[in-house]
Amino acid sequence: MTSTSPSPRTGPGRDPAEEPVAPTRQDEVAAAGSELIGGPLGRRALFGGHWWTPVRIIALIAIGMFALGMVQKLPCYNGGWFFGAGAQYTHACYSDIPHLFQGRGFAEDLVPYFDRIPRDISGGMEYLEYPVLTGVFMEVASWITGVPTDSTDTLQYREQVYWLVNAGMLMVCAVVIAVCVARTHRRRPWDGLLVALAPAGALTATINWDLLAIALTAAAMLMWARARPLAFGVLLGLATAAKLYPVFLLGPLLLLCWRAGRWREFGIAFAGAAGAWLAVNLPVMIGAFDGWAKFYTFSQERGTDFGSFWLILQQRMDTPLSTETVNTLATLLMVACCGLIAALTLTAPRRPRFAQLAFLVVAAFILTNKVYSPQYVLWLIPLAALARPRWRDFLIWQACEVMYFLGIWMYLAYTTSGDKHQGLPEEGYQLAILLHLLGTLYLCAVIVRDILMPERDPVRKDGSDDPSGGVLDGATDVFALGRAAHPPRHAAHGTDGTYVQWGVESPGPALGGAVQESSP
């Protein structure tokens, strides 16, 4: 049945199919939340023509939320990082940044990877245990912090300045992430609000240096959405030089390019990623191999740690598993998850969107890994906003992550309070871990459902194929397995509405990427 309701007013000379998608018209949670600022967008709203574009609004909100996260760290800034073993945990304001200023030799002006860190200040860590580009980021912040100007510049003061400098640099990364997400789906800029307003993002942004790799990954995905595979590859290689997880995005991309027959574009992206990674890592590998390798050896030798389901097993087993056994089992589980993602990619009724598979593979790594630091949630936030832009599901997941954020600090407060036992006992912390695992699994399940039932995908409801897919958007499948290799010629008979033929080379003008046919 054809709707006769008036269409929204648009700017002069603009194609209605190119107008931004208003979340208040599609998302009941967004519509309810909009009552605070005047209610949902009206059907006669006029788009465009003013300075307050969605991207600028999202950037300002991202800055505001980041600033609130900095305020949340004030109890530690004013003493919790420096006095009392448990104050930084009871106030939930812990950060690695001020502690590692001295602990990794930056206060002594040591060169990362090249200079061995004295055991008395590092606690036994001989070299910086972070990838090279993150080490460069930390070193640049140390240069900005500077050497003591006089004898009154105490170590505490310098650590405070170092945290502030890093926070300023990380704020830039946070804005880049929000802007890149807002621009990745051309018609859905408001999805960037999910990133800007994510509560777990504000709470964990300044715990560590993860935002650098995430910003590079978000920029890489924007370049892929703009059909620029070389720029994508270079940025993804730089992201992998800052953190390991971005390299996993090449796996889903390989499968999607295989299904669409886009081998040339994948080859360009892979070559760009390998070249950029080598350009950053090779000089350090040649000049200080032991320091360069510390990140990889430490990751291998590190025992079962906070946040993982492996920790629950270790705490409940009479004979805990060895680190080697956990490494082997975690690797096998990750391989199995990748196999399931590959099967899903090649057998889904429609080729999955790149962002959907990117979320699933990074989530699989997080769920199977032997450690889950609180800031790892930042890896998933921009991917979740692109893969499943629905406020209800996003907030359910974020609520679980906020509970875990509080749980780990209360558990550490419990373990550092001696006989007082102030905080969360072991069983309570295990419940917090389960909440994190269930929240992430819930979002994975919803995304898998969207892949198997494309009509449930909020991004594809308007007829789009894969707005973040770049050369994959609208491409014809050349390889698929199972029922996907022999799709039905028509939609189900006897139903109202339209049949949408997804992913064709010549997009229809009305739906920006889909060709409509009347259902019989």
Protein backbone atom coordinates (compact mmCIF):
# COMPACT_ATOMS: atom_id res chain seq x y z
CA MET A 1 0.00 0.00 0.00
CA THR A 2 1.34 3.40 -0.94
CA SER A 3 1.56 5.99 1.81
CA THR A 4 -0.20 9.32 1.18
CA SER A 5 1.25 11.21 4.14
CA PRO A 6 3.22 14.34 3.30
CA SER A 7 6.94 13.86 2.93
CA PRO A 8 9.39 15.97 4.92
CA ARG A 9 10.37 19.28 3.43
CA THR A 10 13.87 19.23 2.10
CA GLY A 11 16.41 21.79 1.11
CA PRO A 12 16.17 23.25 -2.37
CA GLY A 13 17.65 21.11 -5.12
CA ARG A 14 18.28 18.13 -2.84
CA ASP A 15 17.30 14.56 -3.55
CA PRO A 16 15.02 13.24 -0.78
CA ALA A 17 16.81 9.90 -1.04
CA GLU A 18 20.01 11.65 0.10
CA GLU A 19 18.50 13.34 3.16
CA PRO A 20 19.86 12.20 6.54
CA VAL A 21 17.91 9.47 8.30
CA ALA A 22 16.24 10.91 11.39
CA PRO A 23 16.64 8.45 14.30
CA THR A 24 13.58 9.87 16.06
CA ARG A 25 11.45 8.54 13.19
CA GLN A 26 12.90 5.04 13.30
CA ASP A 27 13.99 4.42 16.89
CA GLU A 28 11.45 4.52 19.72
CA VAL A 29 14.14 5.12 22.35
CA ALA A 30 15.57 8.03 20.37
CA ALA A 31 12.05 9.42 19.92
CA ALA A 32 11.38 9.22 23.67
CA GLY A 33 14.74 10.78 24.53
CA SER A 34 14.15 13.63 22.09
CA GLU A 35 11.32 14.90 24.32
CA LEU A 36 14.04 16.59 26.38
CA ILE A 37 14.87 18.86 23.44
CA GLY A 38 11.44 19.40 21.90
CA GLY A 39 10.34 16.01 20.63
CA PRO A 40 10.84 13.98 17.45
CA LEU A 41 11.63 15.59 14.12
CA GLY A 42 8.42 16.74 12.44
CA ARG A 43 7.38 15.60 9.02
CA ARG A 44 7.59 19.18 7.73
CA ALA A 45 11.08 19.79 9.09
CA LEU A 46 13.49 21.69 6.88
CA PHE A 47 16.90 20.06 6.49
CA GLY A 48 20.14 21.88 5.89
CA GLY A 49 20.98 25.55 5.65
CA HIS A 50 22.42 26.18 9.13
CA TRP A 51 25.78 25.92 10.88
CA TRP A 52 24.71 23.25 13.39
CA THR A 53 25.27 20.19 11.22
CA PRO A 54 24.98 16.71 12.77
CA VAL A 55 28.76 16.17 12.60
CA ARG A 56 29.52 19.42 14.45
CA ILE A 57 26.92 18.70 17.12
CA ILE A 58 28.29 15.19 17.61
CA ALA A 59 31.86 16.49 17.87
CA LEU A 60 30.86 18.97 20.59
CA ILE A 61 28.92 16.32 22.51
CA ALA A 62 31.93 13.99 22.30
CA ILE A 63 34.11 16.72 23.82
CA GLY A 64 31.56 17.30 26.58
CA MET A 65 31.30 13.60 27.47
CA PHE A 66 35.07 13.24 27.44
CA ALA A 67 35.33 16.22 29.81
CA LEU A 68 32.80 14.58 32.15
CA GLY A 69 34.98 11.48 32.13
CA MET A 70 37.94 13.63 33.16
CA VAL A 71 35.90 15.12 36.00
CA GLN A 72 35.11 11.58 37.16
CA LYS A 73 38.89 11.08 37.61
CA LEU A 74 39.28 14.12 39.88
CA PRO A 75 39.39 12.15 43.19
CA CYS A 76 42.41 10.28 41.84
CA TYR A 77 44.03 13.34 40.28
CA ASN A 78 43.93 15.06 43.66
CA GLY A 79 45.41 12.16 45.58
CA GLY A 80 43.98 8.72 44.80
CA TRP A 81 46.78 7.87 42.37
CA PHE A 82 49.41 8.84 44.90
CA PHE A 83 48.14 8.16 48.44
CA GLY A 84 46.45 5.08 49.83
CA ALA A 85 46.40 1.66 48.16
CA GLY A 86 42.64 1.48 47.63
CA ALA A 87 41.44 5.07 47.13
CA GLN A 88 41.77 4.90 43.33
CA TYR A 89 39.59 1.78 43.38
CA THR A 90 36.90 2.91 45.79
CA HIS A 91 36.45 6.05 43.67
CA ALA A 92 36.60 4.00 40.43
CA CYS A 93 39.06 6.48 38.93
CA TYR A 94 42.14 4.36 38.26
CA SER A 95 44.35 5.14 35.24
CA ASP A 96 47.54 3.51 33.97
CA ILE A 97 48.82 6.82 32.59
CA PRO A 98 50.25 8.53 35.72
CA HIS A 99 51.63 5.27 37.10
CA LEU A 100 53.52 4.37 33.93
CA PHE A 101 55.07 7.82 33.60
CA GLN A 102 57.64 6.70 36.14
CA GLY A 103 57.12 2.95 35.88
CA ARG A 104 58.16 2.85 32.20
CA GLY A 105 61.02 5.31 32.42
CA PHE A 106 59.43 8.43 30.94
CA ALA A 107 60.17 10.40 34.11
CA GLU A 108 63.84 9.44 33.66
CA ASP A 109 63.78 10.42 29.96
CA LEU A 110 64.51 6.86 28.85
CA VAL A 111 63.92 6.00 25.18
CA PRO A 112 61.16 3.37 24.78
CA TYR A 113 62.31 -0.01 23.43
CA PHE A 114 65.96 1.07 23.23
CA ASP A 115 66.70 1.76 26.91
CA ARG A 116 66.30 -0.99 29.49
CA ILE A 117 64.06 0.11 32.37
CA PRO A 118 65.65 -0.30 35.82
CA ARG A 119 63.96 -3.05 37.81
CA ASP A 120 63.48 -0.84 40.88
CA ILE A 121 61.08 1.47 39.00
CA SER A 122 59.46 -0.99 36.55
CA GLY A 123 58.67 -3.89 38.86
CA GLY A 124 60.51 -6.28 36.55
CA MET A 125 59.27 -5.05 33.14
CA GLU A 126 62.53 -4.56 31.23
CA TYR A 127 61.03 -2.76 28.23
CA LEU A 128 57.85 -0.93 27.34
CA GLU A 129 55.17 -3.58 26.72
CA TYR A 130 53.09 -1.60 24.20
CA PRO A 131 53.16 -1.64 20.38
CA VAL A 132 55.46 0.84 18.70
CA LEU A 133 52.99 3.53 17.66
CA THR A 134 51.46 3.62 21.14
CA GLY A 135 54.99 3.95 22.51
CA VAL A 136 55.54 6.93 20.19
CA PHE A 137 52.30 8.48 21.45
CA MET A 138 53.44 8.03 25.06
CA GLU A 139 56.86 9.48 24.26
CA VAL A 140 55.41 12.55 22.54
CA ALA A 141 53.25 13.19 25.60
CA SER A 142 56.39 12.88 27.72
CA TRP A 143 58.16 15.50 25.56
CA ILE A 144 55.24 17.88 25.95
CA THR A 145 55.24 17.28 29.71
CA GLY A 146 58.92 18.23 29.69
CA VAL A 147 61.72 17.83 32.17
CA PRO A 148 61.55 19.40 35.64
CA THR A 149 61.97 23.17 35.43
CA ASP A 150 63.16 23.51 39.03
CA SER A 151 63.46 21.57 42.24
CA THR A 152 59.83 22.25 43.17
CA ASP A 153 58.53 20.13 40.28
CA THR A 154 57.78 16.98 42.24
CA LEU A 155 57.18 13.59 40.63
CA GLN A 156 53.49 13.81 41.60
CA TYR A 157 53.16 17.15 39.80
CA ARG A 158 54.81 15.77 36.68
CA GLU A 159 52.56 12.70 36.71
CA GLN A 160 49.52 14.97 36.94
CA VAL A 161 50.77 17.04 34.00
CA TYR A 162 51.52 13.86 32.03
CA TRP A 163 47.97 12.64 32.55
CA LEU A 164 46.55 16.01 31.49
CA VAL A 165 48.69 16.07 28.34
CA ASN A 166 47.65 12.54 27.43
CA ALA A 167 44.01 13.39 28.16
CA GLY A 168 44.19 16.31 25.75
CA MET A 169 45.70 14.13 23.02
CA LEU A 170 43.19 11.36 23.67
CA MET A 171 40.32 13.87 23.50
CA VAL A 172 41.36 14.63 19.93
CA CYS A 173 41.24 10.90 19.21
CA ALA A 174 37.76 10.67 20.75
CA VAL A 175 36.47 13.46 18.52
CA VAL A 176 38.03 11.82 15.46
CA ILE A 177 36.25 8.57 16.30
CA ALA A 178 32.85 10.21 16.71
CA VAL A 179 33.22 12.27 13.53
CA CYS A 180 34.40 9.29 11.48
CA VAL A 181 31.45 7.18 12.62
CA ALA A 182 29.06 10.04 11.86
CA ARG A 183 30.47 10.33 8.33
CA THR A 184 30.82 6.62 7.51
CA HIS A 185 27.13 6.06 6.74
CA ARG A 186 26.34 9.10 4.59
CA ARG A 187 22.61 9.12 5.37
CA ARG A 188 22.95 8.19 9.04
CA PRO A 189 25.21 10.85 10.64
CA TRP A 190 23.24 10.75 13.88
CA ASP A 191 24.51 7.24 14.58
CA GLY A 192 27.64 9.03 15.77
CA LEU A 193 25.67 10.05 18.86
CA LEU A 194 25.90 6.46 20.07
CA VAL A 195 29.67 6.91 20.20
CA ALA A 196 29.62 10.43 21.62
CA LEU A 197 27.16 9.59 24.43
CA ALA A 198 28.40 6.10 25.32
CA PRO A 199 28.70 6.10 29.14
CA ALA A 200 31.31 3.33 29.22
CA GLY A 201 33.34 5.34 26.73
CA ALA A 202 33.45 8.40 28.98
CA LEU A 203 34.39 6.29 32.02
CA THR A 204 37.25 4.40 30.35
CA ALA A 205 38.66 6.91 27.85
CA THR A 206 41.67 7.94 29.97
CA ILE A 207 42.51 4.61 31.59
CA ASN A 208 45.00 3.74 28.86
CA TRP A 209 46.04 4.74 25.34
CA ASP A 210 43.55 2.62 23.34
CA LEU A 211 41.80 5.60 21.74
CA LEU A 212 44.75 6.13 19.39
CA ALA A 213 44.29 2.75 17.69
CA ILE A 214 40.51 3.14 17.72
CA ALA A 215 40.72 6.56 16.02
CA LEU A 216 42.95 5.13 13.29
CA THR A 217 40.59 2.18 12.84
CA ALA A 218 37.54 4.45 12.61
CA ALA A 219 39.32 6.61 10.03
CA ALA A 220 40.26 3.47 8.10
CA MET A 221 36.65 2.32 7.97
CA LEU A 222 35.62 5.77 6.74
CA MET A 223 38.17 5.49 3.93
CA TRP A 224 36.85 2.04 2.99
CA ALA A 225 33.31 3.44 2.94
CA ARG A 226 34.58 6.10 0.50
CA ALA A 227 36.00 3.36 -1.79
CA ARG A 228 39.63 4.25 -1.02
CA PRO A 229 41.22 0.85 -0.28
CA LEU A 230 44.82 2.10 -0.16
CA ALA A 231 44.04 4.79 2.42
CA PHE A 232 42.06 2.18 4.36
CA GLY A 233 45.01 -0.20 4.33
CA VAL A 234 47.53 2.42 5.43
CA LEU A 235 45.35 3.59 8.32
CA LEU A 236 44.57 0.04 9.40
CA GLY A 237 48.28 -0.82 9.33
CA LEU A 238 48.99 2.19 11.54
CA ALA A 239 46.17 1.13 13.87
CA THR A 240 47.69 -2.35 14.12
CA ALA A 241 51.02 -0.72 14.94
CA ALA A 242 49.25 0.91 17.92
CA LYS A 243 47.16 -2.10 19.07
CA LEU A 244 46.82 -5.67 17.86
CA TYR A 245 43.04 -5.99 17.41
CA PRO A 246 42.60 -3.90 14.20
CA VAL A 247 44.38 -6.56 12.14
CA PHE A 248 41.40 -8.86 12.69
CA LEU A 249 39.29 -6.64 10.42
CA LEU A 250 41.22 -7.98 7.43
CA GLY A 251 39.64 -11.41 7.93
CA PRO A 252 36.01 -10.32 7.43
CA LEU A 253 37.09 -8.03 4.60
CA LEU A 254 38.75 -10.95 2.84
CA LEU A 255 35.54 -12.98 3.08
CA LEU A 256 33.36 -10.13 1.83
CA CYS A 257 35.70 -9.40 -1.09
CA TRP A 258 35.75 -13.12 -1.89
CA ARG A 259 31.97 -13.25 -1.99
CA ALA A 260 31.81 -10.09 -4.12
CA GLY A 261 34.83 -10.92 -6.28
CA ARG A 262 36.67 -7.74 -5.25
CA TRP A 263 40.15 -9.26 -5.06
CA ARG A 264 41.98 -6.26 -6.47
CA GLU A 265 40.63 -3.90 -3.82
CA PHE A 266 41.44 -6.34 -1.05
CA GLY A 267 44.96 -6.78 -2.37
CA ILE A 268 45.50 -3.02 -2.38
CA ALA A 269 44.16 -2.74 1.17
CA PHE A 270 46.31 -5.62 2.41
CA ALA A 271 49.43 -4.22 0.77
CA GLY A 272 48.76 -0.79 2.29
CA ALA A 273 48.27 -2.29 5.76
CA ALA A 274 51.42 -4.41 5.57
CA GLY A 275 53.49 -1.52 4.25
CA ALA A 276 52.31 0.94 6.91
CA TRP A 277 52.85 -1.58 9.71
CA LEU A 278 56.37 -2.36 8.49
CA ALA A 279 57.23 1.32 8.07
CA VAL A 280 56.50 1.91 11.75
CA ASN A 281 57.87 -1.33 13.18
CA LEU A 282 60.89 -2.14 11.04
CA PRO A 283 63.21 0.63 12.35
CA VAL A 284 62.57 -0.47 15.95
CA MET A 285 62.84 -4.16 15.06
CA ILE A 286 66.28 -3.54 13.54
CA GLY A 287 67.56 -1.17 16.20
CA ALA A 288 66.09 -2.70 19.38
CA PHE A 289 64.62 -6.12 18.69
CA ASP A 290 64.33 -7.20 22.33
CA GLY A 291 62.45 -4.03 23.22
CA TRP A 292 60.23 -4.30 20.14
CA ALA A 293 59.38 -7.93 20.89
CA LYS A 294 58.39 -7.26 24.50
CA PHE A 295 54.75 -6.58 23.57
CA TYR A 296 54.44 -9.96 21.89
CA THR A 297 56.35 -11.98 24.49
CA PHE A 298 54.47 -10.30 27.33
CA SER A 299 51.12 -11.07 25.66
CA GLN A 300 52.15 -14.71 25.36
CA GLU A 301 53.56 -15.09 28.87
CA ARG A 302 50.87 -13.11 30.67
CA GLY A 303 48.70 -15.29 32.86
CA THR A 304 44.92 -15.35 33.09
CA ASP A 305 43.86 -11.89 34.16
CA PHE A 306 40.88 -9.70 35.02
CA GLY A 307 37.60 -9.74 33.13
CA SER A 308 37.81 -13.01 31.23
CA PHE A 309 35.74 -16.14 31.67
CA TRP A 310 39.09 -17.91 32.06
CA LEU A 311 39.51 -16.11 35.39
CA ILE A 312 36.18 -17.50 36.60
CA LEU A 313 37.36 -20.99 35.67
CA GLN A 314 40.72 -20.49 37.37
CA GLN A 315 39.12 -19.25 40.57
CA ARG A 316 36.69 -22.16 40.69
CA MET A 317 39.05 -24.98 39.69
CA ASP A 318 41.00 -27.01 42.23
CA THR A 319 43.90 -27.25 39.78
CA PRO A 320 44.12 -24.06 37.68
CA LEU A 321 45.09 -24.35 34.04
CA SER A 322 48.62 -23.39 33.05
CA THR A 323 49.23 -20.27 30.98
CA GLU A 324 50.29 -22.43 28.01
CA THR A 325 47.05 -24.41 28.18
CA VAL A 326 44.94 -21.25 28.37
CA ASN A 327 46.85 -19.78 25.41
CA THR A 328 46.17 -22.90 23.36
CA LEU A 329 42.49 -23.14 24.29
CA ALA A 330 41.89 -19.42 23.75
CA THR A 331 43.51 -19.64 20.32
CA LEU A 332 41.40 -22.64 19.37
CA LEU A 333 38.23 -20.89 20.52
CA MET A 334 39.11 -17.80 18.50
CA VAL A 335 39.79 -19.94 15.43
CA ALA A 336 36.45 -21.68 15.91
CA CYS A 337 34.66 -18.32 16.18
CA CYS A 338 36.38 -17.13 13.01
CA GLY A 339 35.23 -20.29 11.28
CA LEU A 340 31.64 -19.63 12.32
CA ILE A 341 31.90 -16.02 11.11
CA ALA A 342 33.27 -17.27 7.77
CA ALA A 343 30.39 -19.73 7.41
CA LEU A 344 27.91 -16.99 8.27
CA THR A 345 29.49 -14.64 5.73
CA LEU A 346 29.37 -17.10 2.84
CA THR A 347 25.94 -18.60 3.56
CA ALA A 348 23.92 -15.57 4.70
CA PRO A 349 20.96 -14.77 2.44
CA ARG A 350 22.55 -11.39 1.67
CA ARG A 351 26.19 -10.48 1.95
CA PRO A 352 26.67 -9.09 5.48
CA ARG A 353 27.71 -5.51 6.00
CA PHE A 354 31.38 -4.89 6.73
CA ALA A 355 30.65 -3.20 10.07
CA GLN A 356 28.60 -6.19 11.23
CA LEU A 357 31.42 -8.64 10.64
CA ALA A 358 34.00 -6.23 12.06
CA PHE A 359 32.05 -6.09 15.31
CA LEU A 360 31.65 -9.87 15.47
CA VAL A 361 35.32 -10.67 14.94
CA VAL A 362 36.56 -8.10 17.48
CA ALA A 363 33.90 -9.26 19.97
CA ALA A 364 35.04 -12.86 19.44
CA PHE A 365 38.60 -11.83 20.29
CA ILE A 366 37.43 -10.04 23.43
CA LEU A 367 35.22 -12.92 24.57
CA THR A 368 37.86 -15.61 24.09
CA ASN A 369 40.90 -13.65 25.29
CA LYS A 370 42.50 -14.41 28.64
CA VAL A 371 42.26 -10.79 29.78
CA TYR A 372 39.64 -8.06 29.48
CA SER A 373 40.78 -4.66 30.66
CA PRO A 374 37.91 -2.19 31.28
CA GLN A 375 38.99 0.09 28.42
CA TYR A 376 38.64 -2.72 25.86
CA VAL A 377 34.98 -1.76 25.59
CA LEU A 378 36.21 1.23 23.60
CA TRP A 379 37.23 -1.10 20.77
CA LEU A 380 33.61 -2.12 20.24
CA ILE A 381 31.74 1.17 20.70
CA PRO A 382 32.27 2.62 17.17
CA LEU A 383 31.79 -0.81 15.60
CA ALA A 384 28.54 -1.30 17.53
CA ALA A 385 27.26 2.11 16.38
CA LEU A 386 27.83 1.08 12.75
CA ALA A 387 26.73 -2.54 13.08
CA ARG A 388 23.57 -2.13 15.14
CA PRO A 389 22.48 1.55 15.39
CA ARG A 390 19.58 1.00 17.78
CA TRP A 391 19.54 2.77 21.14
CA ARG A 392 17.76 0.00 23.05
CA ASP A 393 20.31 -2.69 22.24
CA PHE A 394 23.23 -0.30 22.57
CA LEU A 395 22.13 0.88 26.03
CA ILE A 396 21.51 -2.67 27.27
CA TRP A 397 25.07 -3.54 26.33
CA GLN A 398 26.44 -0.30 27.79
CA ALA A 399 24.63 -0.90 31.08
CA CYS A 400 26.35 -4.27 31.38
CA GLU A 401 29.72 -2.66 30.66
CA VAL A 402 29.20 0.10 33.23
CA MET A 403 28.35 -2.55 35.82
CA TYR A 404 31.56 -4.37 34.94
CA PHE A 405 33.52 -1.11 35.17
CA LEU A 406 32.26 -0.62 38.73
CA GLY A 407 32.69 -4.30 39.54
CA ILE A 408 36.39 -4.55 38.77
CA TRP A 409 37.30 -1.50 40.87
CA MET A 410 35.18 -2.67 43.79
CA TYR A 411 36.84 -6.09 43.57
CA LEU A 412 40.30 -4.50 43.61
CA ALA A 413 39.20 -2.36 46.55
CA TYR A 414 38.19 -5.58 48.33
CA THR A 415 41.54 -7.28 47.65
CA THR A 416 43.58 -4.24 48.75
CA SER A 417 41.62 -3.42 51.93
CA GLY A 418 43.15 -6.17 54.03
CA ASP A 419 41.00 -7.46 56.85
CA LYS A 420 38.44 -4.70 56.30
CA HIS A 421 37.15 -6.44 53.14
CA GLN A 422 35.64 -3.23 51.79
CA GLY A 423 34.35 -3.78 48.29
CA LEU A 424 33.15 -6.64 46.13
CA PRO A 425 34.16 -10.21 47.02
CA GLU A 426 35.26 -12.79 44.48
CA GLU A 427 31.77 -14.13 43.81
CA GLY A 428 30.44 -10.64 43.18
CA TYR A 429 33.23 -9.92 40.73
CA GLN A 430 32.50 -13.13 38.88
CA LEU A 431 28.92 -11.93 38.49
CA ALA A 432 30.21 -8.65 37.05
CA ILE A 433 32.29 -10.61 34.52
CA LEU A 434 29.21 -12.62 33.55
CA LEU A 435 27.26 -9.39 33.00
CA HIS A 436 29.96 -8.14 30.64
CA LEU A 437 30.02 -11.45 28.77
CA LEU A 438 26.23 -11.66 28.48
CA GLY A 439 25.91 -8.04 27.34
CA THR A 440 28.45 -8.56 24.57
CA LEU A 441 26.91 -11.88 23.56
CA TYR A 442 23.48 -10.23 23.42
CA LEU A 443 24.69 -7.61 20.97
CA CYS A 444 26.44 -10.31 18.92
CA ALA A 445 23.21 -12.32 18.78
CA VAL A 446 21.18 -9.34 17.58
CA ILE A 447 23.74 -8.61 14.86
CA VAL A 448 23.75 -12.24 13.73
CA ARG A 449 19.95 -12.10 13.55
CA ASP A 450 20.22 -8.98 11.36
CA ILE A 451 22.60 -10.83 9.05
CA LEU A 452 20.30 -13.84 8.75
CA MET A 453 17.20 -11.63 8.46
CA PRO A 454 18.31 -8.49 6.54
CA GLU A 455 14.84 -6.98 6.81
CA ARG A 456 15.50 -6.57 10.57
CA ASP A 457 18.70 -4.62 9.96
CA PRO A 458 17.99 -0.93 10.76
CA VAL A 459 20.56 0.24 8.20
CA ARG A 460 19.00 -1.78 5.38
CA LYS A 461 15.38 -0.91 6.09
CA ASP A 462 15.49 2.01 3.68
CA GLY A 463 16.79 -0.20 0.86
CA SER A 464 20.50 0.44 1.40
CA ASP A 465 22.94 -2.39 0.87
CA ASP A 466 26.15 -1.61 2.76
CA PRO A 467 26.77 2.14 3.21
CA SER A 468 30.14 1.43 4.88
CA GLY A 469 31.06 -1.20 2.31
CA GLY A 470 32.74 1.05 -0.25
CA VAL A 471 33.32 -1.05 -3.37
CA LEU A 472 31.18 -3.77 -1.79
CA ASP A 473 28.11 -1.55 -1.60
CA GLY A 474 25.70 -2.74 -4.29
CA ALA A 475 28.16 -5.28 -5.70
CA THR A 476 26.85 -8.53 -7.16
CA ASP A 477 27.80 -11.77 -5.42
CA VAL A 478 30.10 -14.04 -7.39
CA PHE A 479 30.60 -16.71 -4.73
CA ALA A 480 28.35 -18.01 -1.98
CA LEU A 481 27.51 -21.29 -0.30
CA GLY A 482 24.31 -23.06 0.66
CA ARG A 483 20.98 -21.38 0.01
CA ALA A 484 22.72 -18.08 -0.61
CA ALA A 485 24.15 -19.59 -3.81
CA HIS A 486 20.62 -20.22 -5.11
CA PRO A 487 18.41 -17.34 -3.88
CA PRO A 488 14.68 -17.42 -4.61
CA ARG A 489 13.61 -15.50 -7.70
CA HIS A 490 10.83 -13.66 -5.88
CA ALA A 491 9.81 -12.70 -2.40
CA ALA A 492 7.24 -14.74 -0.52
CA HIS A 493 3.91 -14.81 -2.33
CA GLY A 494 0.76 -13.46 -0.83
CA THR A 495 2.35 -10.65 1.17
CA ASP A 496 1.89 -6.92 0.94
CA GLY A 497 4.69 -4.48 0.37
CA THR A 498 7.63 -4.60 -1.99
CA TYR A 499 10.31 -7.07 -2.96
CA VAL A 500 13.77 -5.58 -2.50
CA GLN A 501 16.52 -6.98 -4.68
CA TRP A 502 19.62 -6.24 -2.61
CA GLY A 503 23.09 -5.50 -3.82
CA VAL A 504 22.76 -4.81 -7.51
CA GLU A 505 25.23 -2.85 -9.61
CA SER A 506 22.70 -0.24 -10.81
CA PRO A 507 20.98 1.23 -7.73
CA GLY A 508 17.48 2.54 -8.08
CA PRO A 509 17.05 6.27 -7.56
CA ALA A 510 14.28 5.98 -5.00
CA LEU A 511 16.05 3.90 -2.37
CA GLY A 512 19.70 4.73 -2.92
CA GLY A 513 21.03 1.23 -3.50
CA ALA A 514 18.09 -1.10 -4.04
CA VAL A 515 15.85 -1.94 -6.95
CA GLN A 516 12.19 -2.24 -6.09
CA GLU A 517 9.73 -4.56 -7.70
CA SER A 518 6.08 -4.91 -6.86
CA SER A 519 5.32 -8.10 -5.02
CA PRO A 520 2.87 -10.39 -6.80
